[in-house]
Amino acid sequence: MRSPHVLIIVQNLPVPLDRRVWLECQALIQRGYRVSVICPKGPGDPARQTIDGVEIFKYTPAPEAEGLLGFVWEFAYSWVRTAWLSLKVWRRRPFEVIQACNPPDTYWLLAKLWRIRGVRFIFDHHDLNPELFISRFGKPSGILKRLEYGGLRWLERRTFRSADRIMSTNESYKAVAVRRGDRRPGHVTVVRSGPDTQQMRPIYPSNPRRPDEIALVYLGIMGPQDGVDQALLVMDELVHKRGRSNVTATLLGFGDCLEDLKRQSTSLGLDDHVTFTGRVDRVEIAEHLSRADIGLSPDLKTPLNDLSTMNKTMEYMSYGLPAVSFDLAETRISGADAVQYVPSGDIAAFADEVEALIDDPARRTELGIRARERVSTELDWRPQAEAYVSVFDDVTGFSQEGPAVPPSTPSDHDAQDRRYVPLDDPAEFARFLAERRAP
């Protein structure tokens, strides 16, 4: 049997910036599949490129959406551009499977059209769009909002019911797919977004923090539901109300709220303490998470966030970072006792936990060791990759021996020749977690 060709559709992030999707692509390639991706362009991205065997077709994204008409235009524009590129991919080589990642829940219709040619549809369930609506706008009231919410529920239901198989990021999402999609549990597979901890591990930073500095870090998208404004309020509490002038925060990422957050930082008088990096790659992420002391997870408890797995939490854990988070159900499942939890929206309590970690380096070290141990033994991507590829093997009847993620060749340095912290030396690892610099 020839290698099946899989077309992966992503709308909300470019690839390979979308870490989950890129790990999925690599797992399929490793197990003998051919993979193409359609996604929007990031800044400076070409229209077409091949990276590590994955062919990526990109389109110019729609302007930032505002209001209902703006979102309708964005979804319609992206759908049409994606449909057109799917024809180009097909002309190069027909594909046997479409994997669509949400948001949005619109590509079921494209999959239905391609089903005429025998193409199967796998839905990669990243988000709960009805919960996202409620988290942003509250329970719908009025005819227009009820129509919008009802439309999202209808699109979600059509996506669930059109898919040959569904992959959900956690058990909470799977329960939604079974209940609202009226699907059998055996047709929904949990594939968590765990990090590849053999690749994502602490390095000795080339630009370590000052010895008298405490470095906080946030990593992630900066949208209305992500709570980055809460991190700025925590910084205001620490710096201006509690006199912690040696505390800095580096906020890694981009999103709809980035410019508003910069203005908020300025209005709070935090520009000397807060740095916004914008979009960052894996090289920069390793540097920043290796030099930081404490990770921030400021996502407020909402219907969406409470059920969602926060990748940032597991990425902090990969770098041995203690973290403080608002108390969310799925974050507790990921972080267990390696993360400190406070009531949602309680800025003073959040600052209390950060301050307690500032004053207790031994506690930071203990939590960092615990975090690294948990993420590498319980949350690693490798077993998730096997579950992921098994869904395609089941749908296509194709199977190739070998691991979905190849074993990493042991090395003391990363691809940029930066030295890894030796995790098999407990004394040196503990020293590093306390000092966050080379010996």
Protein backbone atom coordinates (compact mmCIF):
# COMPACT_ATOMS: atom_id res chain seq x y z
CA MET A 1 0.00 0.00 0.00
CA ARG A 2 1.38 3.41 -0.94
CA SER A 3 1.86 6.05 1.72
CA PRO A 4 -1.42 7.91 2.37
CA HIS A 5 -1.41 11.67 1.90
CA VAL A 6 -2.90 13.75 4.73
CA LEU A 7 -4.01 17.37 4.30
CA ILE A 8 -4.08 19.34 7.56
CA ILE A 9 -6.08 22.59 7.71
CA VAL A 10 -5.33 25.26 10.33
CA GLN A 11 -6.81 28.77 10.42
CA ASN A 12 -5.88 30.42 13.71
CA LEU A 13 -2.05 30.07 13.61
CA PRO A 14 0.70 29.62 11.03
CA VAL A 15 2.60 26.35 10.91
CA PRO A 16 5.13 25.43 12.30
CA LEU A 17 4.34 28.09 14.93
CA ASP A 18 1.35 25.99 16.04
CA ARG A 19 3.30 23.57 18.23
CA ARG A 20 0.63 20.86 18.49
CA VAL A 21 0.04 20.73 14.75
CA TRP A 22 3.75 20.69 14.00
CA LEU A 23 4.31 17.75 16.35
CA GLU A 24 1.41 15.98 14.63
CA CYS A 25 2.97 16.60 11.22
CA GLN A 26 6.29 15.19 12.38
CA ALA A 27 4.61 12.10 13.87
CA LEU A 28 2.82 11.34 10.59
CA ILE A 29 5.99 11.83 8.54
CA GLN A 30 7.91 9.57 10.91
CA ARG A 31 5.35 6.80 10.41
CA GLY A 32 5.43 6.95 6.61
CA TYR A 33 2.58 9.33 5.75
CA ARG A 34 2.88 12.25 3.34
CA VAL A 35 1.68 15.52 4.83
CA SER A 36 0.56 18.86 3.42
CA VAL A 37 -0.69 21.82 5.47
CA ILE A 38 -2.86 24.81 4.58
CA CYS A 39 -2.65 27.75 7.00
CA PRO A 40 -2.41 31.55 7.12
CA LYS A 41 0.90 33.33 6.64
CA GLY A 42 2.84 34.72 9.56
CA PRO A 43 4.93 37.90 9.16
CA GLY A 44 7.47 37.37 6.39
CA ASP A 45 6.28 33.85 5.56
CA PRO A 46 6.43 32.64 1.94
CA ALA A 47 3.33 31.38 0.14
CA ARG A 48 4.78 27.90 -0.05
CA GLN A 49 7.58 26.09 1.71
CA THR A 50 8.71 22.58 2.59
CA ILE A 51 10.05 21.98 6.09
CA ASP A 52 11.24 18.56 7.23
CA GLY A 53 9.22 16.85 4.53
CA VAL A 54 5.98 18.76 5.23
CA GLU A 55 4.63 20.83 2.32
CA ILE A 56 3.05 24.03 3.65
CA PHE A 57 0.70 26.19 1.58
CA LYS A 58 -0.06 29.62 3.05
CA TYR A 59 -2.47 32.44 2.29
CA THR A 60 -2.52 36.08 3.39
CA PRO A 61 -4.77 36.24 6.46
CA ALA A 62 -7.90 38.35 6.52
CA PRO A 63 -7.76 41.71 8.35
CA GLU A 64 -8.44 41.54 12.08
CA ALA A 65 -12.15 40.89 12.61
CA GLU A 66 -14.41 43.36 14.43
CA GLY A 67 -18.03 42.58 15.15
CA LEU A 68 -20.27 39.90 13.67
CA LEU A 69 -19.81 40.96 10.05
CA GLY A 70 -16.05 41.06 10.53
CA PHE A 71 -15.97 37.48 11.83
CA VAL A 72 -18.28 36.27 9.05
CA TRP A 73 -16.00 37.89 6.48
CA GLU A 74 -12.88 36.40 8.10
CA PHE A 75 -14.35 32.89 8.18
CA ALA A 76 -15.69 33.11 4.62
CA TYR A 77 -12.45 34.55 3.23
CA SER A 78 -10.31 31.93 4.99
CA TRP A 79 -12.65 29.12 3.91
CA VAL A 80 -12.50 30.15 0.24
CA ARG A 81 -8.72 30.59 0.29
CA THR A 82 -8.34 27.19 1.96
CA ALA A 83 -10.71 25.51 -0.52
CA TRP A 84 -8.76 26.94 -3.44
CA LEU A 85 -5.43 25.80 -1.99
CA SER A 86 -6.89 22.34 -1.36
CA LEU A 87 -7.44 22.07 -5.12
CA LYS A 88 -3.79 22.98 -5.69
CA VAL A 89 -2.68 20.34 -3.18
CA TRP A 90 -4.92 17.73 -4.84
CA ARG A 91 -3.48 18.49 -8.29
CA ARG A 92 0.01 17.86 -6.95
CA ARG A 93 -1.06 14.62 -5.31
CA PRO A 94 -4.53 13.44 -4.21
CA PHE A 95 -5.00 13.15 -0.47
CA GLU A 96 -6.82 10.41 1.39
CA VAL A 97 -7.57 12.27 4.63
CA ILE A 98 -8.38 15.84 5.67
CA GLN A 99 -7.62 16.82 9.24
CA ALA A 100 -9.26 20.11 10.18
CA CYS A 101 -8.29 21.92 13.37
CA ASN A 102 -10.67 24.37 15.01
CA PRO A 103 -11.33 27.24 15.53
CA PRO A 104 -13.44 27.81 13.53
CA ASP A 105 -15.93 24.97 13.11
CA THR A 106 -16.46 25.60 9.39
CA TYR A 107 -14.32 23.09 7.52
CA TRP A 108 -16.77 20.21 7.85
CA LEU A 109 -18.42 21.53 4.69
CA LEU A 110 -15.15 21.42 2.75
CA ALA A 111 -14.59 17.89 4.03
CA LYS A 112 -18.10 16.96 2.87
CA LEU A 113 -17.29 18.23 -0.62
CA TRP A 114 -14.06 16.24 -0.75
CA ARG A 115 -15.87 13.13 0.48
CA ILE A 116 -17.20 12.82 -3.08
CA ARG A 117 -13.62 11.86 -3.99
CA GLY A 118 -13.40 9.34 -1.15
CA VAL A 119 -11.52 11.61 1.27
CA ARG A 120 -12.02 10.83 4.98
CA PHE A 121 -12.40 13.55 7.63
CA ILE A 122 -10.63 13.66 11.01
CA PHE A 123 -11.51 16.55 13.31
CA ASP A 124 -8.74 17.81 15.63
CA HIS A 125 -10.76 19.34 18.46
CA HIS A 126 -8.71 22.26 19.81
CA ASP A 127 -11.36 24.65 21.14
CA LEU A 128 -14.91 24.91 22.44
CA ASN A 129 -16.31 27.77 20.39
CA PRO A 130 -19.69 28.04 22.17
CA GLU A 131 -17.84 28.29 25.50
CA LEU A 132 -15.49 30.85 23.94
CA PHE A 133 -18.53 32.95 22.99
CA ILE A 134 -19.93 32.82 26.52
CA SER A 135 -16.50 33.56 28.02
CA ARG A 136 -16.22 36.72 25.91
CA PHE A 137 -19.81 37.98 25.84
CA GLY A 138 -21.65 36.23 28.67
CA LYS A 139 -24.82 34.19 28.27
CA PRO A 140 -26.57 35.32 25.08
CA SER A 141 -29.42 37.76 25.53
CA GLY A 142 -31.30 39.42 22.75
CA ILE A 143 -32.19 38.00 19.37
CA LEU A 144 -28.85 38.73 17.65
CA LYS A 145 -26.65 37.20 20.36
CA ARG A 146 -28.88 34.15 20.63
CA LEU A 147 -28.65 33.70 16.88
CA GLU A 148 -24.86 34.00 16.98
CA TYR A 149 -24.60 31.49 19.82
CA GLY A 150 -27.06 29.13 18.14
CA GLY A 151 -25.05 29.36 14.94
CA LEU A 152 -21.87 28.34 16.77
CA ARG A 153 -23.62 25.38 18.36
CA TRP A 154 -24.96 24.31 14.95
CA LEU A 155 -21.52 24.56 13.31
CA GLU A 156 -19.98 22.58 16.17
CA ARG A 157 -22.63 19.89 15.89
CA ARG A 158 -22.16 19.61 12.13
CA THR A 159 -18.39 19.27 12.62
CA PHE A 160 -18.76 16.53 15.23
CA ARG A 161 -21.27 14.58 13.16
CA SER A 162 -19.44 14.94 9.83
CA ALA A 163 -16.13 13.59 11.13
CA ASP A 164 -15.08 9.98 10.65
CA ARG A 165 -13.02 10.33 13.83
CA ILE A 166 -12.53 13.05 16.45
CA MET A 167 -9.35 13.80 18.40
CA SER A 168 -9.93 15.85 21.57
CA THR A 169 -7.21 17.50 23.64
CA ASN A 170 -8.46 16.20 27.01
CA GLU A 171 -11.22 14.19 28.67
CA SER A 172 -13.36 17.30 29.23
CA TYR A 173 -13.37 18.03 25.50
CA LYS A 174 -14.07 14.38 24.72
CA ALA A 175 -17.12 14.47 27.00
CA VAL A 176 -18.42 17.48 25.04
CA ALA A 177 -17.86 15.71 21.71
CA VAL A 178 -19.74 12.63 22.91
CA ARG A 179 -22.59 14.58 24.51
CA ARG A 180 -23.14 17.44 22.07
CA GLY A 181 -21.99 15.59 18.98
CA ASP A 182 -23.95 12.45 19.83
CA ARG A 183 -20.85 10.37 19.05
CA ARG A 184 -19.80 7.00 20.37
CA PRO A 185 -16.89 7.26 22.85
CA GLY A 186 -14.90 4.83 20.70
CA HIS A 187 -14.91 7.36 17.85
CA VAL A 188 -13.34 10.08 20.01
CA THR A 189 -9.66 9.72 20.95
CA VAL A 190 -7.91 11.91 23.53
CA VAL A 191 -4.62 13.26 22.19
CA ARG A 192 -3.19 15.65 24.74
CA SER A 193 -0.92 18.52 23.66
CA GLY A 194 2.08 17.40 25.67
CA PRO A 195 5.55 18.79 24.93
CA ASP A 196 8.40 16.72 23.56
CA THR A 197 10.44 16.87 26.75
CA GLN A 198 13.57 15.43 25.13
CA GLN A 199 13.68 18.52 22.95
CA MET A 200 12.04 21.03 25.30
CA ARG A 201 14.44 21.12 28.26
CA PRO A 202 16.40 23.82 30.11
CA ILE A 203 19.59 25.30 28.70
CA TYR A 204 22.16 27.53 30.31
CA PRO A 205 20.85 30.92 29.10
CA SER A 206 23.20 33.12 27.12
CA ASN A 207 21.61 36.19 28.71
CA PRO A 208 20.92 35.23 32.35
CA ARG A 209 18.99 37.53 34.65
CA ARG A 210 20.87 39.77 37.07
CA PRO A 211 21.67 38.02 40.39
CA ASP A 212 19.41 40.45 42.28
CA GLU A 213 16.54 40.19 39.75
CA ILE A 214 13.43 38.00 39.90
CA ALA A 215 12.22 37.21 36.40
CA LEU A 216 8.59 36.31 35.74
CA VAL A 217 7.45 35.04 32.34
CA TYR A 218 4.23 34.57 30.38
CA LEU A 219 4.10 32.47 27.19
CA GLY A 220 1.06 32.27 24.96
CA ILE A 221 -1.56 33.95 22.82
CA MET A 222 -2.75 37.37 23.92
CA GLY A 223 -6.49 37.36 23.26
CA PRO A 224 -9.43 38.62 25.32
CA GLN A 225 -9.85 35.24 27.05
CA ASP A 226 -6.17 34.74 27.97
CA GLY A 227 -6.02 37.00 31.03
CA VAL A 228 -2.71 38.70 30.23
CA ASP A 229 -4.16 41.92 31.66
CA GLN A 230 -4.36 40.07 34.98
CA ALA A 231 -0.61 39.46 34.83
CA LEU A 232 -0.07 43.21 34.46
CA LEU A 233 -2.29 43.84 37.49
CA VAL A 234 -0.18 41.35 39.46
CA MET A 235 2.96 43.20 38.38
CA ASP A 236 1.40 46.49 39.49
CA GLU A 237 0.62 44.94 42.87
CA LEU A 238 4.15 43.60 43.29
CA VAL A 239 6.10 46.62 42.03
CA HIS A 240 4.05 49.60 43.15
CA LYS A 241 2.09 48.38 46.15
CA ARG A 242 4.60 45.96 47.66
CA GLY A 243 7.83 47.63 46.62
CA ARG A 244 9.26 44.68 44.70
CA SER A 245 11.35 46.86 42.40
CA ASN A 246 13.62 43.95 41.43
CA VAL A 247 10.78 42.02 39.74
CA THR A 248 10.53 41.98 35.94
CA ALA A 249 8.12 40.21 33.61
CA THR A 250 8.69 39.12 30.02
CA LEU A 251 5.50 38.48 28.07
CA LEU A 252 6.12 36.19 25.09
CA GLY A 253 3.61 36.02 22.26
CA PHE A 254 1.14 37.99 20.21
CA GLY A 255 -2.59 38.30 19.65
CA ASP A 256 -5.54 40.62 19.28
CA CYS A 257 -4.88 42.34 22.62
CA LEU A 258 -1.13 42.96 22.31
CA GLU A 259 -1.33 46.69 21.60
CA ASP A 260 -3.99 47.20 24.30
CA LEU A 261 -1.74 45.38 26.77
CA LYS A 262 1.20 47.61 25.89
CA ARG A 263 -0.97 50.65 26.56
CA GLN A 264 -2.11 49.14 29.86
CA SER A 265 1.50 48.56 30.88
CA THR A 266 2.34 52.17 30.15
CA SER A 267 -0.69 53.48 32.04
CA LEU A 268 0.30 51.38 35.07
CA GLY A 269 3.85 52.74 34.96
CA LEU A 270 5.34 49.30 34.30
CA ASP A 271 7.35 49.90 31.14
CA ASP A 272 10.64 49.63 33.07
CA HIS A 273 9.56 46.27 34.46
CA VAL A 274 7.61 44.60 31.62
CA THR A 275 8.93 43.51 28.22
CA PHE A 276 6.72 42.44 25.31
CA THR A 277 8.62 40.28 22.82
CA GLY A 278 5.90 39.70 20.24
CA ARG A 279 6.09 36.50 18.22
CA VAL A 280 8.87 34.16 19.36
CA ASP A 281 10.31 30.93 18.00
CA ARG A 282 11.53 27.82 19.82
CA VAL A 283 15.06 29.21 20.14
CA GLU A 284 13.83 32.32 21.97
CA ILE A 285 11.36 30.35 24.08
CA ALA A 286 14.16 28.11 25.38
CA GLU A 287 16.23 31.16 26.30
CA HIS A 288 13.45 32.99 28.12
CA LEU A 289 11.99 30.01 29.97
CA SER A 290 15.46 28.90 31.04
CA ARG A 291 16.37 32.29 32.53
CA ALA A 292 13.04 32.96 34.28
CA ASP A 293 12.22 32.16 37.91
CA ILE A 294 8.41 31.86 37.88
CA GLY A 295 5.82 31.18 35.15
CA LEU A 296 2.50 33.02 35.06
CA SER A 297 -0.79 31.37 34.08
CA PRO A 298 -3.32 34.22 34.45
CA ASP A 299 -6.22 32.67 32.50
CA LEU A 300 -9.42 33.49 34.36
CA LYS A 301 -11.95 30.79 35.22
CA THR A 302 -14.45 30.86 32.36
CA PRO A 303 -16.54 28.13 30.72
CA LEU A 304 -13.80 27.81 28.08
CA ASN A 305 -10.66 28.09 30.20
CA ASP A 306 -11.86 25.76 32.94
CA LEU A 307 -12.14 22.87 30.46
CA SER A 308 -9.09 23.70 28.33
CA THR A 309 -5.56 22.35 28.62
CA MET A 310 -3.13 25.26 28.86
CA ASN A 311 0.00 24.50 26.86
CA LYS A 312 1.91 27.21 28.66
CA THR A 313 1.62 25.33 31.96
CA MET A 314 3.28 22.22 30.52
CA GLU A 315 5.93 24.27 28.75
CA TYR A 316 6.85 25.99 32.02
CA MET A 317 7.09 22.55 33.61
CA SER A 318 9.39 21.33 30.84
CA TYR A 319 11.90 24.02 31.79
CA GLY A 320 11.64 23.31 35.50
CA LEU A 321 9.70 26.50 36.17
CA PRO A 322 7.44 26.80 39.19
CA ALA A 323 4.19 28.45 38.13
CA VAL A 324 1.26 30.30 39.66
CA SER A 325 -2.16 29.82 38.08
CA PHE A 326 -5.76 30.73 38.65
CA ASP A 327 -7.53 27.56 39.76
CA LEU A 328 -8.87 25.78 36.65
CA ALA A 329 -10.05 22.17 36.44
CA GLU A 330 -7.89 21.06 33.52
CA THR A 331 -4.86 23.05 34.72
CA ARG A 332 -4.99 21.05 37.95
CA ILE A 333 -4.98 17.85 35.88
CA SER A 334 -1.87 19.02 34.01
CA GLY A 335 0.00 20.68 36.86
CA ALA A 336 -1.10 18.57 39.85
CA ASP A 337 1.06 19.55 42.86
CA ALA A 338 3.80 21.17 40.76
CA VAL A 339 1.76 24.39 40.28
CA GLN A 340 0.48 26.90 42.85
CA TYR A 341 -3.25 27.71 42.49
CA VAL A 342 -5.25 30.76 43.61
CA PRO A 343 -8.93 31.73 43.24
CA SER A 344 -9.78 33.13 39.83
CA GLY A 345 -9.45 36.90 39.62
CA ASP A 346 -7.90 37.33 43.07
CA ILE A 347 -4.94 39.58 42.22
CA ALA A 348 -3.78 39.89 45.82
CA ALA A 349 -3.75 36.11 46.30
CA PHE A 350 -1.86 35.67 43.02
CA ALA A 351 0.71 38.25 44.13
CA ASP A 352 0.94 36.52 47.52
CA GLU A 353 1.92 33.22 45.87
CA VAL A 354 4.44 34.90 43.58
CA GLU A 355 5.90 36.80 46.53
CA ALA A 356 6.13 33.62 48.61
CA LEU A 357 8.12 31.98 45.81
CA ILE A 358 10.34 35.05 45.47
CA ASP A 359 11.23 34.79 49.15
CA ASP A 360 11.75 31.02 49.16
CA PRO A 361 14.34 29.88 46.57
CA ALA A 362 14.30 26.38 48.07
CA ARG A 363 10.57 26.13 47.38
CA ARG A 364 11.09 27.32 43.80
CA THR A 365 13.70 24.62 43.34
CA GLU A 366 11.47 21.93 44.85
CA LEU A 367 8.55 22.85 42.59
CA GLY A 368 10.82 23.08 39.54
CA ILE A 369 12.15 19.56 40.12
CA ARG A 370 8.63 18.27 40.69
CA ALA A 371 7.35 20.00 37.55
CA ARG A 372 10.09 18.60 35.32
CA GLU A 373 9.56 15.09 36.71
CA ARG A 374 5.80 15.20 36.13
CA VAL A 375 5.89 16.60 32.62
CA SER A 376 8.55 14.13 31.46
CA THR A 377 6.88 11.04 32.95
CA GLU A 378 3.13 11.83 32.73
CA LEU A 379 2.58 14.49 30.05
CA ASP A 380 5.22 13.88 27.37
CA TRP A 381 4.20 14.01 23.70
CA ARG A 382 5.59 10.58 22.81
CA PRO A 383 2.66 8.42 24.00
CA GLN A 384 0.25 11.04 22.65
CA ALA A 385 1.93 10.77 19.23
CA GLU A 386 1.24 7.03 19.19
CA ALA A 387 -2.44 7.66 19.99
CA TYR A 388 -2.56 10.34 17.30
CA VAL A 389 -1.09 8.21 14.51
CA SER A 390 -3.27 5.23 15.49
CA VAL A 391 -6.35 7.24 14.50
CA PHE A 392 -4.98 7.64 10.95
CA ASP A 393 -3.91 4.01 10.80
CA ASP A 394 -7.47 3.01 11.75
CA VAL A 395 -9.07 5.28 9.15
CA THR A 396 -6.70 4.50 6.26
CA GLY A 397 -5.77 0.87 6.96
CA PHE A 398 -2.12 1.90 6.58
CA SER A 399 0.43 0.90 9.19
CA GLN A 400 4.17 1.16 9.41
CA GLU A 401 6.37 -0.17 12.19
CA GLY A 402 8.43 2.12 14.37
CA PRO A 403 7.91 4.88 16.90
CA ALA A 404 5.89 7.96 15.99
CA VAL A 405 8.62 10.10 17.57
CA PRO A 406 12.20 8.94 16.97
CA PRO A 407 14.46 8.59 20.01
CA SER A 408 16.58 11.69 20.50
CA THR A 409 20.31 11.28 20.14
CA PRO A 410 21.84 12.13 23.52
CA SER A 411 23.60 15.47 23.31
CA ASP A 412 25.03 18.05 25.68
CA HIS A 413 24.09 20.92 23.33
CA ASP A 414 21.08 22.02 21.31
CA ALA A 415 21.04 22.91 17.61
CA GLN A 416 22.25 26.42 18.44
CA ASP A 417 25.18 24.96 20.40
CA ARG A 418 23.74 26.10 23.72
CA ARG A 419 24.58 23.75 26.58
CA TYR A 420 21.74 21.75 28.13
CA VAL A 421 21.44 21.63 31.90
CA PRO A 422 22.35 18.03 32.91
CA LEU A 423 19.08 16.64 34.21
CA ASP A 424 20.80 13.44 35.33
CA ASP A 425 22.91 15.44 37.82
CA PRO A 426 20.45 16.24 40.64
CA ALA A 427 22.82 18.58 42.48
CA GLU A 428 23.62 20.66 39.39
CA PHE A 429 19.97 20.73 38.29
CA ALA A 430 18.93 22.01 41.73
CA ARG A 431 21.69 24.64 41.67
CA PHE A 432 20.57 25.79 38.24
CA LEU A 433 16.94 26.09 39.30
CA ALA A 434 17.97 28.35 42.19
CA GLU A 435 20.36 30.54 40.17
CA ARG A 436 19.19 30.18 36.54
CA ARG A 437 22.71 30.56 35.12
CA ALA A 438 25.75 28.50 34.19
CA PRO A 439 28.09 27.45 37.03
